[in-house]
Amino acid sequence: MPAAVATVTMTIIRDHREKLPYDFASVVKPVLPFIVQAGHLDTGDYSLKGPELPQDRIVIERKTLSDLYSTLGSHRERFEAEFQRLSLYGYAALVIEATFEQIARPNEYLLHPTDLNPKSVLMTLAAWSQRYGVHVWPLPGRRVAEQWTFRLLERWARDHATE
């Protein structure tokens, strides 16, 4: 690891519209020091900024299982447009606070059942991931999703910090 990377402090930008924002308090032993700031992101929920990092090159969208089904059911066109915007970044990801099994069998996990076909939801995620180059990460719950979001941001900062 270059010496310059050790001095990088990550500034994580959290979109100010995020309803249940991550504070990354669950992250154990971060490699890089970090601060979290609320700000406006045109797309996604989390990104990085700073003099040592390229601007607007990584973006992460977060969804709960309920939000995923709601968005694909009621706001499908808007969500696909978001995938299109995400594709403009060097790295884009959708972090889902649910496992593949939960996405495939939502009515066993959701408080309010859905009429959406789970196969359709999964195939939409597969198609959009391939079409737009957005990485889709189903993860077992909020804490793991928060930690993985941090690690994605941290890895990007470590790989792209200028010397």
Foldseek 3Di string as FASTA:
>chain_A
DDPVLQQDEWEKEFEPPDPDDDQLPLADDQSHHYHYDYDHDPAAGIDTDDPQFDPQAEHEHEEELVRLLCCCVPPVVVVLVRLQVQLVHNAYEYEYFAALVCLQVVVVPDPDDDPDHSVVSVVVCVVSCVVRVYHYHYDHGDSVSSNVVVVVNSVNSSVGGHD
